[in-house]
């Protein structure tokens, strides 16, 4: 798979699919239970990204010795 196809897949996954979901919710095309599920999944993924990112950055700082006392 060349880089152009990979770029198109990334654009579809990050732009087109969320936009289609949002437009489906806005237009009332999706059932309410699916809308609630999408909202809960979005909140859960946001929490996972925030907490996971912070833990990853803290781990990098601790591993590099940033907060060790150098006397």
Protein backbone atom coordinates (compact mmCIF):
# COMPACT_ATOMS: atom_id res chain seq x y z
CA UNK A 1 0.00 0.00 0.00
CA UNK A 2 1.59 3.25 -1.03
CA UNK A 3 1.64 6.45 1.00
CA UNK A 4 -1.17 8.12 -0.97
CA UNK A 5 -3.63 5.35 -0.15
CA UNK A 6 -2.56 5.41 3.50
CA UNK A 7 -3.13 9.17 3.60
CA UNK A 8 -6.59 8.77 2.07
CA UNK A 9 -7.50 6.11 4.64
CA UNK A 10 -6.35 8.36 7.48
CA UNK A 11 -8.43 11.24 6.11
CA UNK A 12 -11.50 9.01 5.78
CA UNK A 13 -11.15 7.65 9.31
CA UNK A 14 -10.41 11.00 10.97
CA UNK A 15 -12.67 13.32 8.97
CA UNK A 16 -15.35 11.60 6.91
CA UNK A 17 -16.57 8.99 9.41
CA UNK A 18 -16.95 11.40 12.38
CA UNK A 19 -18.56 13.98 10.12
CA UNK A 20 -21.05 11.40 8.83
CA UNK A 21 -21.88 10.39 12.41
CA UNK A 22 -22.36 14.00 13.50
CA UNK A 23 -24.53 14.78 10.49
CA UNK A 24 -26.57 11.64 11.15
CA UNK A 25 -27.16 12.75 14.73
CA UNK A 26 -27.97 16.32 13.67
CA UNK A 27 -30.41 15.23 10.96
CA UNK A 28 -32.08 12.70 13.25
CA UNK A 29 -31.26 9.73 11.01
CA UNK A 30 -29.69 7.63 13.75
CA UNK A 31 -31.79 5.98 16.47
CA UNK A 32 -31.59 7.60 19.87
CA UNK A 33 -29.98 4.55 21.50
CA UNK A 34 -27.19 4.64 18.91
CA UNK A 35 -26.71 8.36 19.51
CA UNK A 36 -26.33 7.75 23.24
CA UNK A 37 -23.89 4.91 22.60
CA UNK A 38 -21.80 7.06 20.28
CA UNK A 39 -21.75 9.85 22.86
CA UNK A 40 -20.69 7.51 25.66
CA UNK A 41 -18.00 5.95 23.49
CA UNK A 42 -16.70 9.43 22.62
CA UNK A 43 -16.51 10.42 26.28
CA UNK A 44 -14.79 7.15 27.20
CA UNK A 45 -12.24 7.55 24.40
CA UNK A 46 -11.55 11.16 25.39
CA UNK A 47 -10.94 10.12 29.00
CA UNK A 48 -8.66 7.29 27.86
CA UNK A 49 -6.62 9.60 25.62
CA UNK A 50 -6.25 12.27 28.32
CA UNK A 51 -5.34 9.88 31.14
CA UNK A 52 -3.18 7.66 28.92
CA UNK A 53 -1.33 10.62 27.45
CA UNK A 54 -0.60 12.07 30.87
CA UNK A 55 0.64 8.72 32.17
CA UNK A 56 2.84 8.28 29.10
CA UNK A 57 4.38 11.73 29.53
CA UNK A 58 4.93 11.21 33.26
CA UNK A 59 6.54 7.83 32.59
CA UNK A 60 8.91 9.45 30.09
CA UNK A 61 9.88 12.11 32.62
CA UNK A 62 10.50 9.56 35.36
CA UNK A 63 12.45 7.27 33.04
CA UNK A 64 14.70 10.09 31.88
CA UNK A 65 15.47 11.09 35.48
CA UNK A 66 13.97 14.53 35.20
CA UNK A 67 12.82 14.63 38.82
CA UNK A 68 15.75 12.85 40.44
CA UNK A 69 17.83 14.81 42.90
CA UNK A 70 21.31 15.48 41.64
CA UNK A 71 23.50 16.52 44.54
